[in-house]
């Protein structure tokens, strides 16, 4: 019996002790957290003092850093096309591969590339046959021709073959030549302008090309030949600089992209341009369009 009493007494003691510990733990859990110790910065030339646990500490106001938005590339601007990229009527070619109604564009093989840019050209009043003859006469080549009727012709066998139409960009750019006299004719020709936008939308989606004209130095975006000439040279005598800002503004707006004025192009006032824009200032002025990284 004595052994049984001892066992029962010990169980009671352990039960009471466990209940007391549980109560104590619940009380501690309800206490508010201790404030974090404030670290006082060391004085100049001195040693850092120990952390001080005290009341509220005044926190200095830090300057607000505005995060520069990053330009999304092509797939963020344009939905995936329902039809295959090469489906008619986007590009019109004869079964043998030649350009419909104008003959085959002959060009030299300059190797392959990975497109990161598109360059727009205007043919300065030359019609389609005259444009092809002029390209072949200069040993030049563009990937697409868009005529006045709004038909787009693929003038090279592959979009990843290097063309020859804009110095400094040929190894990364798809060239699109618009048949016509100049900006005003294109803006008034709705069928032609619509086809240009349709073609660019497909190219932007396929190659994930940024939809802006900001960074010709970085060779990523959609640029007028005029912009490429100002950066890399290659001016043809008596040939106007085009397309101009009205066409570029209209095309980029139709694509949902962003148009930058010349003074806001990346590094436009810096050395390295064949035609440097004097005056300085850059794009960091208040109210300027948001810049991509």
Protein backbone atom coordinates (compact mmCIF):
# COMPACT_ATOMS: atom_id res chain seq x y z
CA UNK A 1 0.00 0.00 0.00
CA UNK A 2 2.83 2.39 0.88
CA UNK A 3 4.33 1.94 -2.59
CA UNK A 4 0.97 2.73 -4.19
CA UNK A 5 0.61 5.89 -2.07
CA UNK A 6 4.06 7.10 -3.10
CA UNK A 7 3.25 6.62 -6.79
CA UNK A 8 -0.07 8.48 -6.46
CA UNK A 9 1.57 11.37 -4.58
CA UNK A 10 4.29 11.76 -7.18
CA UNK A 11 1.72 11.79 -10.00
CA UNK A 12 -0.22 14.54 -8.23
CA UNK A 13 2.94 16.60 -7.77
CA UNK A 14 3.88 16.22 -11.44
CA UNK A 15 0.34 17.16 -12.50
CA UNK A 16 0.38 20.34 -10.42
CA UNK A 17 3.85 21.25 -11.64
CA UNK A 18 2.83 20.79 -15.29
CA UNK A 19 -0.29 22.94 -14.82
CA UNK A 20 1.81 25.70 -13.28
CA UNK A 21 4.28 25.66 -16.15
CA UNK A 22 1.46 25.84 -18.73
CA UNK A 23 -0.08 28.84 -16.92
CA UNK A 24 3.28 30.60 -16.77
CA UNK A 25 3.90 30.01 -20.47
CA UNK A 26 0.49 31.44 -21.42
CA UNK A 27 1.21 34.59 -19.41
CA UNK A 28 4.54 35.11 -21.13
CA UNK A 29 3.00 34.59 -24.57
CA UNK A 30 0.55 37.46 -23.96
CA UNK A 31 3.27 40.00 -23.24
CA UNK A 32 3.91 42.66 -25.97
CA UNK A 33 7.19 42.29 -27.89
CA UNK A 34 10.21 44.22 -26.63
CA UNK A 35 11.23 47.23 -28.79
CA UNK A 36 14.23 46.62 -31.04
CA UNK A 37 17.41 48.25 -29.77
CA UNK A 38 18.28 51.41 -31.65
CA UNK A 39 21.81 51.49 -33.02
CA UNK A 40 23.41 54.90 -32.75
CA UNK A 41 25.82 55.65 -35.63
CA UNK A 42 29.42 56.10 -34.49
CA UNK A 43 30.90 59.60 -34.42
CA UNK A 44 33.56 60.46 -36.95
CA UNK A 45 36.87 58.91 -35.96
CA UNK A 46 35.32 57.24 -32.93
CA UNK A 47 34.29 53.72 -32.04
CA UNK A 48 30.73 52.52 -32.33
CA UNK A 49 28.86 52.53 -28.98
CA UNK A 50 26.87 49.51 -27.88
CA UNK A 51 23.25 49.11 -28.89
CA UNK A 52 20.89 51.14 -26.71
CA UNK A 53 17.47 49.80 -25.81
CA UNK A 54 15.34 52.88 -25.38
CA UNK A 55 12.07 54.47 -26.41
CA UNK A 56 11.06 55.71 -29.87
CA UNK A 57 13.94 56.81 -32.09
CA UNK A 58 13.69 59.56 -34.72
CA UNK A 59 14.24 58.04 -38.16
CA UNK A 60 15.74 60.45 -40.73
CA UNK A 61 13.73 60.95 -43.91
CA UNK A 62 15.38 59.32 -46.91
CA UNK A 63 15.11 60.82 -50.42
CA UNK A 64 12.41 59.21 -52.53
CA UNK A 65 13.98 57.27 -55.40
CA UNK A 66 11.70 57.18 -58.45
CA UNK A 67 11.90 53.80 -60.09
CA UNK A 68 12.48 54.12 -63.82
CA UNK A 69 9.91 52.00 -65.68
CA UNK A 70 11.26 49.30 -67.94
CA UNK A 71 9.90 49.04 -71.46
CA UNK A 72 8.26 45.74 -72.11
CA UNK A 73 9.15 44.16 -75.41
CA UNK A 74 6.98 43.17 -78.30
CA UNK A 75 4.87 40.40 -76.80
CA UNK A 76 3.68 42.73 -74.07
CA UNK A 77 2.48 45.28 -76.61
CA UNK A 78 0.85 43.06 -79.22
CA UNK A 79 -1.34 39.99 -78.89
CA UNK A 80 -0.32 36.76 -80.54
CA UNK A 81 -1.54 36.74 -84.16
CA UNK A 82 -4.20 34.13 -84.84
CA UNK A 83 -2.81 33.26 -88.26
CA UNK A 84 0.67 31.94 -89.00
CA UNK A 85 3.23 34.69 -89.54
CA UNK A 86 3.82 33.93 -93.24
CA UNK A 87 0.15 33.48 -94.11
CA UNK A 88 -1.32 35.56 -96.93
CA UNK A 89 -2.18 38.36 -97.33
CA UNK A 90 0.56 39.57 -94.95
CA UNK A 91 3.28 38.68 -97.43
CA UNK A 92 2.49 38.10 -101.10
CA UNK A 93 4.88 35.99 -103.15
CA UNK A 94 4.56 33.70 -106.13
CA UNK A 95 4.94 29.92 -105.68
CA UNK A 96 8.50 30.07 -107.04
CA UNK A 97 9.48 32.58 -104.36
CA UNK A 98 9.79 35.64 -106.57
CA UNK A 99 8.07 38.92 -105.79
CA UNK A 100 4.64 38.98 -107.39
CA UNK A 101 4.43 41.26 -110.43
CA UNK A 102 7.91 42.71 -110.15
CA UNK A 103 10.53 40.01 -110.56
CA UNK A 104 13.06 38.51 -108.20
CA UNK A 105 15.22 40.68 -105.94
CA UNK A 106 18.85 39.61 -106.33
CA UNK A 107 21.13 40.14 -103.35
CA UNK A 108 24.42 38.92 -101.94
CA UNK A 109 24.48 36.49 -99.04
CA UNK A 110 25.89 38.38 -96.04
CA UNK A 111 25.23 35.76 -93.39
CA UNK A 112 22.59 35.37 -90.72
CA UNK A 113 21.52 37.52 -87.79
CA UNK A 114 19.20 37.62 -84.81
CA UNK A 115 16.80 40.58 -85.32
CA UNK A 116 16.54 43.07 -82.46
CA UNK A 117 15.44 46.11 -84.50
CA UNK A 118 13.33 47.22 -87.45
CA UNK A 119 14.34 50.06 -89.81
CA UNK A 120 11.72 51.84 -91.92
CA UNK A 121 12.61 53.34 -95.32
CA UNK A 122 10.72 55.38 -97.92
CA UNK A 123 11.59 55.00 -101.61
CA UNK A 124 11.62 58.77 -102.40
CA UNK A 125 9.08 58.54 -105.22
CA UNK A 126 10.40 55.38 -106.90
CA UNK A 127 7.78 52.77 -107.78
CA UNK A 128 8.22 49.07 -107.04
CA UNK A 129 10.24 48.07 -110.17
CA UNK A 130 12.41 51.20 -109.86
CA UNK A 131 13.03 50.47 -106.20
CA UNK A 132 14.14 46.91 -106.93
CA UNK A 133 16.42 48.09 -109.74
CA UNK A 134 17.92 50.72 -107.46
CA UNK A 135 18.53 48.23 -104.65
CA UNK A 136 20.21 45.76 -106.98
CA UNK A 137 22.27 48.53 -108.58
CA UNK A 138 23.69 49.48 -105.17
CA UNK A 139 24.09 45.86 -104.05
CA UNK A 140 21.60 46.63 -101.29
CA UNK A 141 18.78 44.49 -99.93
CA UNK A 142 15.67 44.93 -97.77
CA UNK A 143 13.50 42.23 -96.26
CA UNK A 144 10.10 43.73 -97.17
CA UNK A 145 8.57 46.10 -99.70
CA UNK A 146 5.11 47.60 -99.13
CA UNK A 147 3.57 49.11 -102.29
CA UNK A 148 0.96 51.85 -102.72
CA UNK A 149 -1.85 49.30 -103.02
CA UNK A 150 -1.13 48.02 -99.53
CA UNK A 151 0.58 44.76 -100.54
CA UNK A 152 3.61 43.54 -98.63
CA UNK A 153 6.27 41.56 -100.50
CA UNK A 154 8.99 39.54 -98.82
CA UNK A 155 12.05 40.46 -100.86
CA UNK A 156 14.59 38.16 -99.18
CA UNK A 157 14.41 34.42 -98.64
CA UNK A 158 14.80 34.62 -94.85
CA UNK A 159 14.09 37.32 -92.31
CA UNK A 160 17.22 36.24 -90.46
CA UNK A 161 19.52 36.92 -93.39
CA UNK A 162 21.40 40.19 -93.16
CA UNK A 163 20.12 42.90 -95.47
CA UNK A 164 22.06 45.96 -96.56
CA UNK A 165 20.18 49.22 -96.18
CA UNK A 166 21.28 51.02 -92.97
CA UNK A 167 24.89 51.29 -91.86
CA UNK A 168 25.46 50.16 -88.28
CA UNK A 169 22.21 48.19 -88.08
CA UNK A 170 22.35 45.67 -90.92
CA UNK A 171 23.52 42.86 -88.66
CA UNK A 172 20.53 43.22 -86.30
CA UNK A 173 17.74 44.89 -88.28
CA UNK A 174 14.84 43.84 -90.48
CA UNK A 175 14.45 46.45 -93.23
CA UNK A 176 10.98 47.52 -94.42
CA UNK A 177 10.85 49.80 -97.48
CA UNK A 178 7.65 51.76 -98.09
CA UNK A 179 7.05 52.59 -101.75
CA UNK A 180 6.11 56.26 -102.09
CA UNK A 181 7.24 59.87 -102.27
CA UNK A 182 7.32 60.76 -98.62
CA UNK A 183 5.56 61.08 -95.29
CA UNK A 184 2.44 62.90 -96.45
CA UNK A 185 1.64 60.33 -99.15
CA UNK A 186 1.97 57.48 -96.66
CA UNK A 187 -0.18 59.13 -94.02
CA UNK A 188 -2.91 59.75 -96.58
CA UNK A 189 -2.76 56.21 -97.99
CA UNK A 190 -4.73 54.32 -95.36
CA UNK A 191 -4.38 50.91 -97.03
CA UNK A 192 -0.60 51.22 -97.23
CA UNK A 193 -0.24 52.54 -93.69
CA UNK A 194 -2.49 49.75 -92.39
CA UNK A 195 -0.33 47.13 -94.09
CA UNK A 196 2.86 48.64 -92.66
CA UNK A 197 1.41 48.50 -89.14
CA UNK A 198 0.14 44.96 -89.68
CA UNK A 199 3.56 43.85 -90.87
CA UNK A 200 5.38 45.53 -87.99
CA UNK A 201 3.00 44.03 -85.46
CA UNK A 202 3.80 40.53 -86.73
CA UNK A 203 7.56 41.23 -86.68
CA UNK A 204 7.42 42.74 -83.20
CA UNK A 205 5.57 39.72 -81.89
CA UNK A 206 7.76 37.17 -83.61
CA UNK A 207 11.11 38.64 -82.55
CA UNK A 208 10.11 40.40 -79.31
CA UNK A 209 11.34 43.79 -80.54
CA UNK A 210 10.82 46.84 -78.29
CA UNK A 211 8.08 49.14 -79.59
CA UNK A 212 9.84 52.51 -79.31
CA UNK A 213 12.52 54.55 -81.10
CA UNK A 214 14.49 55.45 -77.99
CA UNK A 215 17.69 53.39 -78.20
CA UNK A 216 19.23 53.34 -81.68
CA UNK A 217 22.65 53.24 -79.97
CA UNK A 218 21.69 49.97 -78.28
CA UNK A 219 20.15 48.81 -81.60
CA UNK A 220 16.86 47.71 -80.07
CA UNK A 221 13.58 49.17 -81.27
CA UNK A 222 11.82 50.51 -84.37
CA UNK A 223 13.72 53.28 -86.16
CA UNK A 224 13.45 55.50 -89.20
CA UNK A 225 16.37 55.27 -91.62
CA UNK A 226 16.90 58.97 -90.86
CA UNK A 227 17.61 58.12 -87.22
CA UNK A 228 20.09 55.39 -88.20
CA UNK A 229 21.89 57.83 -90.54
CA UNK A 230 22.27 60.41 -87.77
CA UNK A 231 23.83 57.78 -85.51
CA UNK A 232 25.90 55.67 -87.93
CA UNK A 233 26.14 57.67 -91.17
CA UNK A 234 25.47 56.42 -94.70
CA UNK A 235 23.77 59.49 -96.14
CA UNK A 236 22.94 59.15 -99.84
CA UNK A 237 23.41 62.43 -101.81
CA UNK A 238 20.13 64.19 -102.73
CA UNK A 239 18.14 61.61 -100.75
CA UNK A 240 15.89 63.16 -98.07
CA UNK A 241 16.04 61.96 -94.50
CA UNK A 242 12.89 59.93 -93.95
CA UNK A 243 10.56 58.64 -92.73
CA UNK A 244 9.97 61.70 -90.60
CA UNK A 245 8.53 62.18 -87.16
CA UNK A 246 4.88 62.25 -88.30
CA UNK A 247 5.10 58.77 -89.81
CA UNK A 248 7.06 57.35 -86.88
CA UNK A 249 4.65 58.87 -84.39
CA UNK A 250 1.64 57.42 -86.25
CA UNK A 251 3.17 53.96 -86.65
CA UNK A 252 4.31 53.63 -83.03
CA UNK A 253 0.97 54.92 -81.76
CA UNK A 254 -0.86 52.33 -83.87
CA UNK A 255 1.34 49.62 -82.37
CA UNK A 256 0.69 50.81 -78.82
CA UNK A 257 4.32 51.86 -78.39
CA UNK A 258 6.06 55.11 -77.45
CA UNK A 259 7.49 57.78 -79.74
CA UNK A 260 10.50 59.84 -78.56
CA UNK A 261 11.40 63.23 -79.97
CA UNK A 262 14.96 63.53 -81.26
CA UNK A 263 16.18 65.49 -78.25
CA UNK A 264 15.00 62.63 -76.02
CA UNK A 265 16.76 59.78 -77.83
CA UNK A 266 19.21 57.92 -75.65
CA UNK A 267 22.62 59.70 -75.51
CA UNK A 268 21.57 62.04 -78.33
CA UNK A 269 23.89 64.83 -77.16
CA UNK A 270 26.85 62.55 -76.46
CA UNK A 271 29.85 61.82 -78.72
CA UNK A 272 29.63 58.86 -81.08
CA UNK A 273 26.98 60.21 -83.45
CA UNK A 274 27.89 61.07 -87.02
CA UNK A 275 25.49 64.01 -86.76
CA UNK A 276 25.65 65.18 -83.12
CA UNK A 277 22.75 67.19 -81.74
CA UNK A 278 24.20 70.25 -80.04
CA UNK A 279 22.73 71.96 -77.01
CA UNK A 280 22.78 69.28 -74.35
CA UNK A 281 19.96 68.78 -71.93
CA UNK A 282 19.16 65.14 -72.63
CA UNK A 283 16.00 63.39 -71.51
CA UNK A 284 16.12 64.01 -67.77
CA UNK A 285 14.03 67.17 -67.86
CA UNK A 286 10.73 67.23 -65.92
CA UNK A 287 7.82 65.92 -67.94
CA UNK A 288 9.95 63.91 -70.35
CA UNK A 289 8.62 60.59 -71.56
CA UNK A 290 9.51 57.61 -69.31
CA UNK A 291 12.81 56.06 -70.28
CA UNK A 292 13.59 52.37 -70.62
CA UNK A 293 16.60 50.95 -68.83
